Amino acid sequence: MKRVELLTGEELIIRRARPADAAQIIAYVEQVSGETDHLTFGRSEFGVTLEQETRFIEAVSKADNQLMICALLENSVVGLLNFAGGTRPRTRHTGEFGVSVLQEHWRKGIATELIAYLLQWARDTGIIRKINLRVRAGHTAAIRLYEKFGFVYQGRITREICINGKFYDVLNLGLEID
């Protein structure tokens, strides 16, 4: 667990997700997915039951190359980061993460703190050697944040996301952990 004082003076707690958080995480995902078109799913598209989310959190907590962390303000989830490491011996050293923050808490440094936690965890594992992410092209604030941490452009996937009949490209970024 990590405690951070935000620029707003609020105390942010970052900790691993627990099975007991499943209902709050589902509610969080439902809210955040309706606030932005920068995610790979929209409102009501998550489609995960309480039982499925509970099992998922349990599985992640047992894996040595996976991580799910929550950012909490006053015991409410306001940000989430999930890192999924490879499942086979040849790919278990690498993985991909996604991060989100509720819109009312943007620009407080929450995503920065979640990514910093991920990178420290990755270095501490001795397993993770490469972190990947995908970001919608044109999402300049996110791209700048990732680049601040040293992530570099590694490719573009055209027409990866379709929202209301309009296609968007996705950029692949990566960071080697050595």
Protein backbone atom coordinates (compact mmCIF):
# COMPACT_ATOMS: atom_id res chain seq x y z
CA MET A 1 0.00 0.00 0.00
CA LYS A 2 1.16 3.50 -0.79
CA ARG A 3 -0.14 6.81 0.56
CA VAL A 4 0.33 9.98 -1.46
CA GLU A 5 -0.71 13.55 -0.82
CA LEU A 6 -2.09 15.01 -4.04
CA LEU A 7 -1.62 18.63 -5.07
CA THR A 8 -5.20 19.18 -3.91
CA GLY A 9 -4.20 18.12 -0.38
CA GLU A 10 -6.26 14.93 -0.64
CA GLU A 11 -4.73 11.68 0.58
CA LEU A 12 -4.62 9.07 -2.17
CA ILE A 13 -4.21 5.43 -1.24
CA ILE A 14 -2.92 2.99 -3.84
CA ARG A 15 -3.24 -0.68 -3.02
CA ARG A 16 -3.77 -4.02 -4.65
CA ALA A 17 -7.34 -4.87 -5.50
CA ARG A 18 -9.03 -7.34 -3.17
CA PRO A 19 -11.88 -9.74 -3.92
CA ALA A 20 -14.06 -7.67 -1.57
CA ASP A 21 -13.55 -4.71 -3.97
CA ALA A 22 -15.26 -6.48 -6.88
CA ALA A 23 -18.65 -4.73 -6.61
CA GLN A 24 -17.05 -1.30 -6.24
CA ILE A 25 -14.71 -2.00 -9.17
CA ILE A 26 -17.61 -3.01 -11.41
CA ALA A 27 -19.47 0.19 -10.47
CA TYR A 28 -16.30 2.20 -11.10
CA VAL A 29 -15.77 0.63 -14.54
CA GLU A 30 -19.39 1.29 -15.46
CA GLN A 31 -18.99 4.96 -14.52
CA VAL A 32 -15.59 5.56 -16.11
CA SER A 33 -16.59 3.80 -19.33
CA GLY A 34 -19.39 6.31 -19.82
CA GLU A 35 -17.16 9.35 -19.24
CA THR A 36 -14.68 9.00 -22.11
CA ASP A 37 -14.26 7.50 -25.56
CA HIS A 38 -10.59 6.77 -24.89
CA LEU A 39 -11.26 3.28 -23.51
CA THR A 40 -11.72 0.12 -25.57
CA PHE A 41 -15.28 -0.26 -24.25
CA GLY A 42 -18.17 2.05 -23.53
CA ARG A 43 -20.98 2.22 -21.00
CA SER A 44 -22.62 -1.16 -20.38
CA GLU A 45 -20.02 -2.98 -22.50
CA PHE A 46 -17.85 -4.34 -19.66
CA GLY A 47 -20.17 -7.30 -19.15
CA VAL A 48 -18.58 -8.85 -16.07
CA THR A 49 -20.58 -10.34 -13.21
CA LEU A 50 -19.70 -9.93 -9.55
CA GLU A 51 -18.62 -13.57 -9.40
CA GLN A 52 -16.42 -13.22 -12.50
CA GLU A 53 -14.75 -10.05 -11.19
CA THR A 54 -14.16 -11.65 -7.79
CA ARG A 55 -12.52 -14.68 -9.43
CA PHE A 56 -10.46 -12.42 -11.70
CA ILE A 57 -9.12 -10.39 -8.76
CA GLU A 58 -8.29 -13.62 -6.89
CA ALA A 59 -6.41 -14.99 -9.90
CA VAL A 60 -4.44 -11.77 -10.40
CA SER A 61 -3.49 -11.67 -6.73
CA LYS A 62 -2.02 -15.19 -6.97
CA ALA A 63 0.02 -14.53 -10.14
CA ASP A 64 3.58 -13.28 -9.84
CA ASN A 65 3.46 -11.39 -13.16
CA GLN A 66 0.05 -9.70 -12.91
CA LEU A 67 -1.13 -6.69 -10.96
CA MET A 68 -4.40 -4.93 -10.29
CA ILE A 69 -4.27 -1.77 -8.19
CA CYS A 70 -6.90 0.68 -7.03
CA ALA A 71 -6.51 4.38 -6.34
CA LEU A 72 -8.77 5.37 -3.45
CA LEU A 73 -9.95 8.69 -2.12
CA GLU A 74 -11.96 8.40 1.08
CA ASN A 75 -12.33 4.63 0.50
CA SER A 76 -13.86 5.11 -2.96
CA VAL A 77 -12.19 3.77 -6.11
CA VAL A 78 -11.29 6.74 -8.31
CA GLY A 79 -8.63 5.06 -10.46
CA LEU A 80 -7.67 1.59 -11.58
CA LEU A 81 -4.67 -0.03 -13.23
CA ASN A 82 -4.48 -3.60 -14.46
CA PHE A 83 -1.33 -5.28 -15.76
CA ALA A 84 -1.58 -8.69 -17.41
CA GLY A 85 1.66 -10.58 -17.84
CA GLY A 86 2.17 -13.30 -20.41
CA THR A 87 0.83 -16.75 -19.57
CA ARG A 88 3.49 -18.83 -21.33
CA PRO A 89 7.16 -19.24 -20.40
CA ARG A 90 8.34 -17.33 -23.47
CA THR A 91 6.11 -14.32 -22.77
CA ARG A 92 5.72 -14.18 -18.99
CA HIS A 93 8.39 -11.44 -18.81
CA THR A 94 6.18 -9.03 -20.73
CA GLY A 95 2.65 -7.74 -20.47
CA GLU A 96 0.22 -4.94 -21.13
CA PHE A 97 -1.50 -2.50 -18.84
CA GLY A 98 -4.50 -0.25 -18.91
CA VAL A 99 -5.17 2.67 -16.59
CA SER A 100 -8.19 4.87 -15.99
CA VAL A 101 -9.29 7.62 -13.62
CA LEU A 102 -12.75 9.03 -12.99
CA GLN A 103 -13.18 12.26 -14.94
CA GLU A 104 -13.85 14.40 -11.86
CA HIS A 105 -10.34 13.46 -10.64
CA TRP A 106 -8.40 14.08 -13.86
CA ARG A 107 -5.30 16.28 -13.63
CA LYS A 108 -4.66 15.48 -9.98
CA GLY A 109 -1.73 13.15 -10.69
CA ILE A 110 -3.61 9.92 -9.96
CA ALA A 111 -2.68 8.17 -13.22
CA THR A 112 0.93 9.25 -12.68
CA GLU A 113 0.94 7.65 -9.23
CA LEU A 114 -0.65 4.43 -10.53
CA ILE A 115 1.93 4.10 -13.32
CA ALA A 116 4.81 4.86 -10.94
CA TYR A 117 3.53 2.10 -8.65
CA LEU A 118 3.35 -0.31 -11.61
CA LEU A 119 6.90 0.45 -12.70
CA GLN A 120 8.32 -0.01 -9.21
CA TRP A 121 6.41 -3.28 -8.82
CA ALA A 122 7.68 -4.48 -12.22
CA ARG A 123 11.29 -3.76 -11.26
CA ASP A 124 10.83 -5.45 -7.90
CA THR A 125 9.40 -8.64 -9.41
CA GLY A 126 12.61 -9.57 -11.19
CA ILE A 127 10.29 -11.13 -13.78
CA ILE A 128 8.86 -8.27 -15.81
CA ARG A 129 11.29 -6.98 -18.45
CA LYS A 130 8.92 -5.20 -20.86
CA ILE A 131 5.68 -3.27 -20.35
CA ASN A 132 3.38 -2.53 -23.26
CA LEU A 133 0.30 -0.40 -23.64
CA ARG A 134 -2.13 0.69 -26.30
CA VAL A 135 -3.46 4.24 -26.48
CA ARG A 136 -5.93 5.79 -28.87
CA ALA A 137 -4.15 8.00 -31.41
CA GLY A 138 -4.85 11.64 -30.67
CA HIS A 139 -5.14 11.15 -26.90
CA THR A 140 -2.27 13.58 -26.42
CA ALA A 141 -2.52 13.96 -22.63
CA ALA A 142 -2.14 10.21 -22.12
CA ILE A 143 0.62 9.91 -24.70
CA ARG A 144 2.60 12.71 -22.99
CA LEU A 145 2.17 11.00 -19.63
CA TYR A 146 3.46 7.67 -20.97
CA GLU A 147 6.38 9.35 -22.71
CA LYS A 148 7.27 11.11 -19.42
CA PHE A 149 7.86 7.64 -17.97
CA GLY A 150 10.04 6.62 -20.93
CA PHE A 151 7.52 4.69 -23.01
CA VAL A 152 8.37 4.83 -26.71
CA TYR A 153 6.29 4.52 -29.86
CA GLN A 154 6.43 1.01 -31.31
CA GLY A 155 3.71 0.94 -33.92
CA ARG A 156 0.24 1.90 -35.05
CA ILE A 157 -2.82 -0.28 -35.54
CA THR A 158 -5.28 1.34 -37.91
CA ARG A 159 -9.05 1.19 -37.38
CA GLU A 160 -8.63 -0.65 -34.07
CA ILE A 161 -11.56 1.08 -32.36
CA CYS A 162 -14.95 1.88 -33.85
CA ILE A 163 -17.30 4.27 -32.04
CA ASN A 164 -20.61 5.17 -33.64
CA GLY A 165 -19.32 4.13 -37.06
CA LYS A 166 -16.10 6.18 -36.83
CA PHE A 167 -12.75 4.40 -36.78
CA TYR A 168 -9.79 5.32 -34.58
CA ASP A 169 -6.20 4.15 -34.72
CA VAL A 170 -4.33 2.84 -31.69
CA LEU A 171 -0.66 3.44 -30.91
CA ASN A 172 1.50 0.77 -29.32
CA LEU A 173 3.99 2.04 -26.76
CA GLY A 174 6.52 0.06 -24.78
CA LEU A 175 9.05 0.35 -22.01
CA GLU A 176 11.92 -2.04 -21.41
CA ILE A 177 12.65 -2.75 -17.72
CA ASP A 178 16.37 -3.34 -17.31
